[in-house]
Amino acid sequence: MSQDVFEMMQKMNLHSVETQMAIQCAPVFAGLKMSNLLIVAKEDICKVRQILKSAVISWHVVSMWKEKATILLYREEELKQYLNSEAVYTRLQGMGYEGSLESKLERFSQRYQAYQAGQTDFPHEMGFLLGYPVEDVEGFIRNGGENSLYTGDWKVYDNLTEKLQLFSKFEVARESLLGMVSAGTGIVEIMRNKRLQQPVA
């Protein structure tokens, strides 16, 4: 994050839903990533619904835990294609995930909520639902989260150069979206004008 953006963020309301959406999910809005988790205060779910109702982004409430809501924001067709790809489909099937995207999201919600309640181990299939590359999800599981080549938006275990380039694009998208939000442009307007719909160079 550049110094200019850091200073800009100091002047922003970091508790605002739109600011948090920009920080946490800009790559999804920019079309660079198929899904992201958004964590907001429970009372802000209505604001999220209002913002996304006219956007091309779908959403699913994963959990409501204590004072926080965990929401998966996703590009439906892209996520479906990825989860139905041979490499991912067989791995998810082995974890008990079958059927439609909706049924997979419901199962993940149950597993994630059980994890939050201390009833089960961390659901590593989250990596697939977040669109992470197969080699990085498997590397994370195999290494117990250790020994990564790099930690960016996720832990990288292979193809580092490619991932660094992607993370750089994510950062540009974040800075761009934060700049627009800071200047008073709402995410609804940004989505309507498709100003972040194409991948950022």
Foldseek 3Di string as FASTA:
>chain_A
DDPVLVVLVVPDDCQDQQLQCLQFPLCCLLQLFFKTKGKHFPVCVVVVCVLPVPFQWDKDFLDCDDGMTIMMIGNPVVLQVQCPPPVNVVVVVVVVDDDDPVSNSNVNSVVCVCVVVVNDPDDLCVCSSRVHDPVQSVVCVVVVNPDFPDAAVHGHNDPVVVVVVSSVQSVVSSSVSSVCVSVPHGSSNCRVVSVSHHRDD
